[in-house]
């Protein structure tokens, strides 16, 4: 039995980038499906959490937990599917023509990131511009500084939004309501 695809490489590829293992196995549409499902569920959850947070904190926490489970389920199934498909290709149960062209997208992104990190580590931080400090104007420091008043610790800004008895006019009388009992 000739090994055309390594199942562990396929699973590792899907672990590093969702859908990459399917592209390694030559399944372009499957990889796009997993990537799309992952993106749609993540974006949908993100857009739903913010308005739901304004309605109920616990509802938004529940949505975050549910969407995390959905995203992890899609992610885990992508890894499992990549491994299983590579194994089926090796056993001759599935056809393999060649790697998908999309296989090289995540590969090139990872190479670009590694090259950029290496360049930053080799070059080092950018040194400060010497000789240009004269162009920065100095701001004068005021000679007499006043001490700000101590904050009122009895009332916070939140409670300033509520009316107190002191805020009402002296001749204010609360309205008297009658309950309508006619039904």
Foldseek 3Di string as FASTA:
>chain_A
DDQPFALVVLLVLLLVPNLLLCLQQVNNVVSVVLNVQLVVLVVVLVVVLVVVCVVPVVVSVVSVVVSVVVNVVSSVVSSVVSSVSSVCCRVVNDPGDGGHPCNVVVVVVVVVVVVVVVVCVVVDDDDDDPPCPVVDDDDDDDPDDDDDDDDDPVDDPVCVVDDDPVNDDPPDDDDDDDDDPDD
